[in-house]
Protein backbone atom coordinates (compact mmCIF):
# COMPACT_ATOMS: atom_id res chain seq x y z
CA UNK A 1 0.00 0.00 0.00
CA UNK A 2 1.76 3.15 -1.16
CA UNK A 3 -0.68 5.70 0.32
CA UNK A 4 0.04 5.83 4.05
CA UNK A 5 -2.36 8.68 4.84
CA UNK A 6 -5.37 7.82 6.96
CA UNK A 7 -7.83 8.83 4.23
CA UNK A 8 -5.82 6.81 1.70
CA UNK A 9 -6.04 3.69 3.86
CA UNK A 10 -9.65 4.01 5.00
CA UNK A 11 -11.34 5.98 2.23
CA UNK A 12 -14.10 8.13 3.71
CA UNK A 13 -13.25 9.03 7.29
CA UNK A 14 -15.88 8.68 10.00
CA UNK A 15 -17.16 11.99 11.35
CA UNK A 16 -15.45 11.59 14.73
CA UNK A 17 -12.04 11.06 13.17
CA UNK A 18 -12.41 14.10 10.92
CA UNK A 19 -12.43 16.32 14.02
CA UNK A 20 -9.06 15.08 15.33
CA UNK A 21 -5.87 17.14 14.98
CA UNK A 22 -3.56 16.34 12.05
CA UNK A 23 -0.89 14.73 14.29
CA UNK A 24 -3.42 12.23 15.62
CA UNK A 25 -4.44 11.42 12.04
CA UNK A 26 -0.82 10.57 11.29
CA UNK A 27 -0.51 8.48 14.46
CA UNK A 28 -3.64 6.53 13.49
CA UNK A 29 -2.39 6.10 9.92
CA UNK A 30 0.96 4.76 11.15
CA UNK A 31 -0.74 2.39 13.60
CA UNK A 32 -3.10 1.10 10.91
CA UNK A 33 -0.24 0.59 8.45
CA UNK A 34 1.82 -1.31 11.04
CA UNK A 35 -1.17 -3.46 12.04
CA UNK A 36 -1.87 -4.39 8.42
CA UNK A 37 1.80 -5.22 7.85
CA UNK A 38 1.87 -7.47 10.94
CA UNK A 39 -1.39 -9.12 9.87
CA UNK A 40 -0.03 -9.84 6.37
CA UNK A 41 3.14 -11.30 7.87
CA UNK A 42 1.16 -13.51 10.28
CA UNK A 43 -1.10 -14.74 7.47
CA UNK A 44 1.89 -15.58 5.27
CA UNK A 45 3.54 -17.47 8.14
CA UNK A 46 0.33 -19.38 8.86
CA UNK A 47 0.01 -20.34 5.20
CA UNK A 48 3.58 -21.58 5.06
CA UNK A 49 3.18 -23.46 8.34
CA UNK A 50 0.04 -25.15 7.02
CA UNK A 51 1.99 -26.46 4.04
CA UNK A 52 3.96 -28.70 6.39
CA UNK A 53 0.94 -30.99 6.38
CA UNK A 54 1.01 -31.32 2.59
CA UNK A 55 3.31 -33.97 1.11
CA UNK A 56 6.58 -32.44 -0.10
CA UNK A 57 6.02 -33.37 -3.76
CA UNK A 58 2.67 -31.55 -3.81
CA UNK A 59 3.79 -28.36 -2.04
CA UNK A 60 4.85 -26.40 -5.15
CA UNK A 61 1.52 -27.09 -6.85
CA UNK A 62 -0.43 -26.22 -3.70
CA UNK A 63 1.58 -23.00 -3.24
CA UNK A 64 0.80 -22.00 -6.79
CA UNK A 65 -2.89 -22.88 -6.43
CA UNK A 66 -3.37 -20.83 -3.25
CA UNK A 67 -1.07 -17.97 -4.27
CA UNK A 68 1.75 -18.37 -1.76
PDB file of N, CA and C in Angstrom:
ATOM      1  N   UNK A   1       0.859  -1.156   0.000  1.00  0.00           N
ATOM      2  CA  UNK A   1       0.000   0.000   0.000  1.00  0.00           C
ATOM      3  C   UNK A   1       0.908   1.222   0.000  1.00  0.00           C
ATOM      4  N   UNK A   2       0.858   2.017  -1.053  1.00  0.00           N
ATOM      5  CA  UNK A   2       1.760   3.149  -1.157  1.00  0.00           C
ATOM      6  C   UNK A   2       1.219   4.384  -0.447  1.00  0.00           C
ATOM      7  N   UNK A   3      -0.091   4.532  -0.329  1.00  0.00           N
ATOM      8  CA  UNK A   3      -0.676   5.704   0.323  1.00  0.00           C
ATOM      9  C   UNK A   3      -0.805   5.427   1.814  1.00  0.00           C
ATOM     10  N   UNK A   4       0.035   6.093   2.614  1.00  0.00           N
ATOM     11  CA  UNK A   4       0.036   5.831   4.053  1.00  0.00           C
ATOM     12  C   UNK A   4      -0.777   6.853   4.826  1.00  0.00           C
ATOM     13  N   UNK A   5      -1.499   7.749   4.131  1.00  0.00           N
ATOM     14  CA  UNK A   5      -2.356   8.684   4.845  1.00  0.00           C
ATOM     15  C   UNK A   5      -3.573   7.930   5.360  1.00  0.00           C
ATOM     16  N   UNK A   6      -4.202   8.477   6.378  1.00  0.00           N
ATOM     17  CA  UNK A   6      -5.370   7.824   6.961  1.00  0.00           C
ATOM     18  C   UNK A   6      -6.506   7.745   5.949  1.00  0.00           C
ATOM     19  N   UNK A   7      -6.762   8.827   5.238  1.00  0.00           N
ATOM     20  CA  UNK A   7      -7.828   8.829   4.230  1.00  0.00           C
ATOM     21  C   UNK A   7      -7.501   7.860   3.098  1.00  0.00           C
ATOM     22  N   UNK A   8      -6.224   7.744   2.751  1.00  0.00           N
ATOM     23  CA  UNK A   8      -5.821   6.812   1.699  1.00  0.00           C
ATOM     24  C   UNK A   8      -6.019   5.360   2.104  1.00  0.00           C
ATOM     25  N   UNK A   9      -5.887   5.061   3.379  1.00  0.00           N
ATOM     26  CA  UNK A   9      -6.039   3.694   3.855  1.00  0.00           C
ATOM     27  C   UNK A   9      -7.495   3.331   4.134  1.00  0.00           C
ATOM     28  N   UNK A  10      -8.265   4.306   4.594  1.00  0.00           N
ATOM     29  CA  UNK A  10      -9.645   4.014   5.000  1.00  0.00           C
ATOM     30  C   UNK A  10     -10.695   4.485   4.007  1.00  0.00           C
ATOM     31  N   UNK A  11     -10.341   5.392   3.116  1.00  0.00           N
ATOM     32  CA  UNK A  11     -11.339   5.984   2.235  1.00  0.00           C
ATOM     33  C   UNK A  11     -12.041   7.113   2.978  1.00  0.00           C
ATOM     34  N   UNK A  12     -13.352   7.097   2.996  1.00  0.00           N
ATOM     35  CA  UNK A  12     -14.100   8.129   3.709  1.00  0.00           C
ATOM     36  C   UNK A  12     -13.890   7.974   5.204  1.00  0.00           C
ATOM     37  N   UNK A  13     -13.504   9.064   5.846  1.00  0.00           N
ATOM     38  CA  UNK A  13     -13.251   9.026   7.286  1.00  0.00           C
ATOM     39  C   UNK A  13     -14.550   9.213   8.060  1.00  0.00           C
ATOM     40  N   UNK A  14     -14.723   8.460   9.134  1.00  0.00           N
ATOM     41  CA  UNK A  14     -15.882   8.675   9.999  1.00  0.00           C
ATOM     42  C   UNK A  14     -15.866  10.094  10.568  1.00  0.00           C
ATOM     43  N   UNK A  15     -17.023  10.611  10.895  1.00  0.00           N
ATOM     44  CA  UNK A  15     -17.161  11.988  11.354  1.00  0.00           C
ATOM     45  C   UNK A  15     -16.291  12.287  12.579  1.00  0.00           C
ATOM     46  N   UNK A  16     -16.233  11.367  13.527  1.00  0.00           N
ATOM     47  CA  UNK A  16     -15.447  11.587  14.734  1.00  0.00           C
ATOM     48  C   UNK A  16     -13.963  11.717  14.461  1.00  0.00           C
ATOM     49  N   UNK A  17     -13.460  10.994  13.494  1.00  0.00           N
ATOM     50  CA  UNK A  17     -12.037  11.061  13.169  1.00  0.00           C
ATOM     51  C   UNK A  17     -11.717  12.365  12.452  1.00  0.00           C
ATOM     52  N   UNK A  18     -12.639  12.862  11.670  1.00  0.00           N
ATOM     53  CA  UNK A  18     -12.410  14.099  10.922  1.00  0.00           C
ATOM     54  C   UNK A  18     -12.177  15.294  11.844  1.00  0.00           C
ATOM     55  N   UNK A  19     -12.603  15.204  13.091  1.00  0.00           N
ATOM     56  CA  UNK A  19     -12.428  16.323  14.019  1.00  0.00           C
ATOM     57  C   UNK A  19     -11.100  16.272  14.763  1.00  0.00           C
ATOM     58  N   UNK A  20     -10.335  15.211  14.620  1.00  0.00           N
ATOM     59  CA  UNK A  20      -9.055  15.076  15.328  1.00  0.00           C
ATOM     60  C   UNK A  20      -7.991  15.980  14.716  1.00  0.00           C
ATOM     61  N   UNK A  21      -7.005  16.367  15.516  1.00  0.00           N
ATOM     62  CA  UNK A  21      -5.872  17.143  14.983  1.00  0.00           C
ATOM     63  C   UNK A  21      -5.053  16.311  13.982  1.00  0.00           C
ATOM     64  N   UNK A  22      -4.342  16.987  13.121  1.00  0.00           N
ATOM     65  CA  UNK A  22      -3.560  16.340  12.052  1.00  0.00           C
ATOM     66  C   UNK A  22      -2.545  15.334  12.602  1.00  0.00           C
ATOM     67  N   UNK A  23      -1.886  15.647  13.722  1.00  0.00           N
ATOM     68  CA  UNK A  23      -0.890  14.729  14.287  1.00  0.00           C
ATOM     69  C   UNK A  23      -1.539  13.408  14.696  1.00  0.00           C
ATOM     70  N   UNK A  24      -2.734  13.463  15.245  1.00  0.00           N
ATOM     71  CA  UNK A  24      -3.420  12.232  15.624  1.00  0.00           C
ATOM     72  C   UNK A  24      -3.840  11.441  14.394  1.00  0.00           C
ATOM     73  N   UNK A  25      -4.144  12.122  13.300  1.00  0.00           N
ATOM     74  CA  UNK A  25      -4.436  11.417  12.043  1.00  0.00           C
ATOM     75  C   UNK A  25      -3.219  10.611  11.614  1.00  0.00           C
ATOM     76  N   UNK A  26      -2.050  11.253  11.699  1.00  0.00           N
ATOM     77  CA  UNK A  26      -0.823  10.571  11.288  1.00  0.00           C
ATOM     78  C   UNK A  26      -0.506   9.409  12.216  1.00  0.00           C
ATOM     79  N   UNK A  27      -0.723   9.582  13.513  1.00  0.00           N
ATOM     80  CA  UNK A  27      -0.509   8.484  14.460  1.00  0.00           C
ATOM     81  C   UNK A  27      -1.425   7.305  14.142  1.00  0.00           C
ATOM     82  N   UNK A  28      -2.696   7.596  13.856  1.00  0.00           N
ATOM     83  CA  UNK A  28      -3.638   6.529  13.495  1.00  0.00           C
ATOM     84  C   UNK A  28      -3.241   5.858  12.182  1.00  0.00           C
ATOM     85  N   UNK A  29      -2.814   6.658  11.211  1.00  0.00           N
ATOM     86  CA  UNK A  29      -2.393   6.104   9.921  1.00  0.00           C
ATOM     87  C   UNK A  29      -1.200   5.177  10.092  1.00  0.00           C
ATOM     88  N   UNK A  30      -0.226   5.596  10.902  1.00  0.00           N
ATOM     89  CA  UNK A  30       0.956   4.758  11.149  1.00  0.00           C
ATOM     90  C   UNK A  30       0.572   3.467  11.873  1.00  0.00           C
ATOM     91  N   UNK A  31      -0.309   3.576  12.863  1.00  0.00           N
ATOM     92  CA  UNK A  31      -0.745   2.388  13.602  1.00  0.00           C
ATOM     93  C   UNK A  31      -1.497   1.425  12.695  1.00  0.00           C
ATOM     94  N   UNK A  32      -2.346   1.949  11.835  1.00  0.00           N
ATOM     95  CA  UNK A  32      -3.099   1.103  10.909  1.00  0.00           C
ATOM     96  C   UNK A  32      -2.177   0.420   9.913  1.00  0.00           C
ATOM     97  N   UNK A  33      -1.209   1.165   9.395  1.00  0.00           N
ATOM     98  CA  UNK A  33      -0.245   0.588   8.450  1.00  0.00           C
ATOM     99  C   UNK A  33       0.561  -0.538   9.105  1.00  0.00           C
ATOM    100  N   UNK A  34       1.041  -0.286  10.319  1.00  0.00           N
ATOM    101  CA  UNK A  34       1.815  -1.306  11.037  1.00  0.00           C
ATOM    102  C   UNK A  34       0.976  -2.537  11.343  1.00  0.00           C
ATOM    103  N   UNK A  35      -0.281  -2.336  11.735  1.00  0.00           N
ATOM    104  CA  UNK A  35      -1.168  -3.462  12.043  1.00  0.00           C
ATOM    105  C   UNK A  35      -1.422  -4.304  10.799  1.00  0.00           C
ATOM    106  N   UNK A  36      -1.638  -3.647   9.670  1.00  0.00           N
ATOM    107  CA  UNK A  36      -1.872  -4.389   8.421  1.00  0.00           C
ATOM    108  C   UNK A  36      -0.625  -5.147   7.980  1.00  0.00           C
ATOM    109  N   UNK A  37       0.538  -4.540   8.197  1.00  0.00           N
ATOM    110  CA  UNK A  37       1.796  -5.217   7.846  1.00  0.00           C
ATOM    111  C   UNK A  37       1.991  -6.457   8.717  1.00  0.00           C
ATOM    112  N   UNK A  38       1.737  -6.322  10.035  1.00  0.00           N
ATOM    113  CA  UNK A  38       1.867  -7.470  10.940  1.00  0.00           C
ATOM    114  C   UNK A  38       0.853  -8.552  10.587  1.00  0.00           C
ATOM    115  N   UNK A  39      -0.365  -8.145  10.226  1.00  0.00           N
ATOM    116  CA  UNK A  39      -1.386  -9.121   9.865  1.00  0.00           C
ATOM    117  C   UNK A  39      -0.976  -9.882   8.603  1.00  0.00           C
ATOM    118  N   UNK A  40      -0.467  -9.184   7.604  1.00  0.00           N
ATOM    119  CA  UNK A  40      -0.035  -9.836   6.374  1.00  0.00           C
ATOM    120  C   UNK A  40       1.102 -10.812   6.653  1.00  0.00           C
ATOM    121  N   UNK A  41       2.022 -10.422   7.516  1.00  0.00           N
ATOM    122  CA  UNK A  41       3.136 -11.300   7.872  1.00  0.00           C
ATOM    123  C   UNK A  41       2.635 -12.551   8.599  1.00  0.00           C
ATOM    124  N   UNK A  42       1.704 -12.363   9.531  1.00  0.00           N
ATOM    125  CA  UNK A  42       1.159 -13.505  10.279  1.00  0.00           C
ATOM    126  C   UNK A  42       0.387 -14.447   9.359  1.00  0.00           C
ATOM    127  N   UNK A  43      -0.351 -13.891   8.412  1.00  0.00           N
ATOM    128  CA  UNK A  43      -1.096 -14.742   7.474  1.00  0.00           C
ATOM    129  C   UNK A  43      -0.157 -15.530   6.567  1.00  0.00           C
ATOM    130  N   UNK A  44       0.914 -14.886   6.115  1.00  0.00           N
ATOM    131  CA  UNK A  44       1.889 -15.584   5.274  1.00  0.00           C
ATOM    132  C   UNK A  44       2.561 -16.709   6.052  1.00  0.00           C
ATOM    133  N   UNK A  45       2.919 -16.442   7.308  1.00  0.00           N
ATOM    134  CA  UNK A  45       3.540 -17.473   8.140  1.00  0.00           C
ATOM    135  C   UNK A  45       2.578 -18.637   8.366  1.00  0.00           C
ATOM    136  N   UNK A  46       1.318 -18.329   8.636  1.00  0.00           N
ATOM    137  CA  UNK A  46       0.329 -19.385   8.857  1.00  0.00           C
ATOM    138  C   UNK A  46       0.147 -20.236   7.605  1.00  0.00           C
ATOM    139  N   UNK A  47       0.141 -19.591   6.451  1.00  0.00           N
ATOM    140  CA  UNK A  47       0.013 -20.341   5.199  1.00  0.00           C
ATOM    141  C   UNK A  47       1.191 -21.260   4.969  1.00  0.00           C
ATOM    142  N   UNK A  48       2.385 -20.757   5.222  1.00  0.00           N
ATOM    143  CA  UNK A  48       3.583 -21.584   5.058  1.00  0.00           C
ATOM    144  C   UNK A  48       3.632 -22.706   6.084  1.00  0.00           C
ATOM    145  N   UNK A  49       3.209 -22.420   7.315  1.00  0.00           N
ATOM    146  CA  UNK A  49       3.175 -23.465   8.337  1.00  0.00           C
ATOM    147  C   UNK A  49       2.168 -24.553   7.975  1.00  0.00           C
ATOM    148  N   UNK A  50       1.058 -24.174   7.395  1.00  0.00           N
ATOM    149  CA  UNK A  50       0.035 -25.149   7.016  1.00  0.00           C
ATOM    150  C   UNK A  50       0.540 -26.096   5.923  1.00  0.00           C
ATOM    151  N   UNK A  51       1.454 -25.617   5.114  1.00  0.00           N
ATOM    152  CA  UNK A  51       1.987 -26.462   4.042  1.00  0.00           C
ATOM    153  C   UNK A  51       2.819 -27.628   4.562  1.00  0.00           C
ATOM    154  N   UNK A  52       3.210 -27.571   5.829  1.00  0.00           N
ATOM    155  CA  UNK A  52       3.962 -28.699   6.388  1.00  0.00           C
ATOM    156  C   UNK A  52       3.131 -29.977   6.396  1.00  0.00           C
ATOM    157  N   UNK A  53       1.820 -29.834   6.354  1.00  0.00           N
ATOM    158  CA  UNK A  53       0.936 -30.995   6.384  1.00  0.00           C
ATOM    159  C   UNK A  53       0.652 -31.540   4.984  1.00  0.00           C
ATOM    160  N   UNK A  54       1.175 -30.875   3.970  1.00  0.00           N
ATOM    161  CA  UNK A  54       1.014 -31.316   2.585  1.00  0.00           C
ATOM    162  C   UNK A  54       2.275 -32.093   2.202  1.00  0.00           C
ATOM    163  N   UNK A  55       2.123 -33.219   1.540  1.00  0.00           N
ATOM    164  CA  UNK A  55       3.313 -33.969   1.110  1.00  0.00           C
ATOM    165  C   UNK A  55       4.260 -33.094   0.291  1.00  0.00           C
ATOM    166  N   UNK A  56       5.550 -33.295   0.495  1.00  0.00           N
ATOM    167  CA  UNK A  56       6.577 -32.436  -0.104  1.00  0.00           C
ATOM    168  C   UNK A  56       6.451 -32.332  -1.629  1.00  0.00           C
ATOM    169  N   UNK A  57       6.113 -33.408  -2.292  1.00  0.00           N
ATOM    170  CA  UNK A  57       6.021 -33.365  -3.757  1.00  0.00           C
ATOM    171  C   UNK A  57       4.851 -32.509  -4.240  1.00  0.00           C
ATOM    172  N   UNK A  58       3.839 -32.333  -3.409  1.00  0.00           N
ATOM    173  CA  UNK A  58       2.672 -31.550  -3.807  1.00  0.00           C
ATOM    174  C   UNK A  58       2.769 -30.078  -3.411  1.00  0.00           C
ATOM    175  N   UNK A  59       3.712 -29.725  -2.562  1.00  0.00           N
ATOM    176  CA  UNK A  59       3.791 -28.358  -2.040  1.00  0.00           C
ATOM    177  C   UNK A  59       3.915 -27.282  -3.117  1.00  0.00           C
ATOM    178  N   UNK A  60       4.786 -27.457  -4.125  1.00  0.00           N
ATOM    179  CA  UNK A  60       4.853 -26.398  -5.151  1.00  0.00           C
ATOM    180  C   UNK A  60       3.517 -26.181  -5.865  1.00  0.00           C
ATOM    181  N   UNK A  61       2.808 -27.239  -6.166  1.00  0.00           N
ATOM    182  CA  UNK A  61       1.522 -27.092  -6.850  1.00  0.00           C
ATOM    183  C   UNK A  61       0.490 -26.437  -5.936  1.00  0.00           C
ATOM    184  N   UNK A  62       0.509 -26.805  -4.649  1.00  0.00           N
ATOM    185  CA  UNK A  62      -0.433 -26.219  -3.703  1.00  0.00           C
ATOM    186  C   UNK A  62      -0.102 -24.746  -3.492  1.00  0.00           C
ATOM    187  N   UNK A  63       1.187 -24.405  -3.375  1.00  0.00           N
ATOM    188  CA  UNK A  63       1.580 -22.996  -3.237  1.00  0.00           C
ATOM    189  C   UNK A  63       1.074 -22.179  -4.419  1.00  0.00           C
ATOM    190  N   UNK A  64       1.243 -22.716  -5.596  1.00  0.00           N
ATOM    191  CA  UNK A  64       0.799 -21.995  -6.794  1.00  0.00           C
ATOM    192  C   UNK A  64      -0.714 -21.858  -6.797  1.00  0.00           C
ATOM    193  N   UNK A  65      -1.420 -22.906  -6.407  1.00  0.00           N
ATOM    194  CA  UNK A  65      -2.892 -22.878  -6.430  1.00  0.00           C
ATOM    195  C   UNK A  65      -3.467 -21.884  -5.439  1.00  0.00           C
ATOM    196  N   UNK A  66      -2.832 -21.748  -4.267  1.00  0.00           N
ATOM    197  CA  UNK A  66      -3.374 -20.829  -3.248  1.00  0.00           C
ATOM    198  C   UNK A  66      -2.687 -19.469  -3.261  1.00  0.00           C
ATOM    199  N   UNK A  67      -1.704 -19.273  -4.139  1.00  0.00           N
ATOM    200  CA  UNK A  67      -1.068 -17.966  -4.272  1.00  0.00           C
ATOM    201  C   UNK A  67      -0.027 -17.638  -3.233  1.00  0.00           C
ATOM    202  N   UNK A  68       0.674 -18.629  -2.742  1.00  0.00           N
ATOM    203  CA  UNK A  68       1.749 -18.369  -1.761  1.00  0.00           C
ATOM    204  C   UNK A  68       3.090 -18.305  -2.437  1.00  0.00           C
TER     205      UNK A  68
END
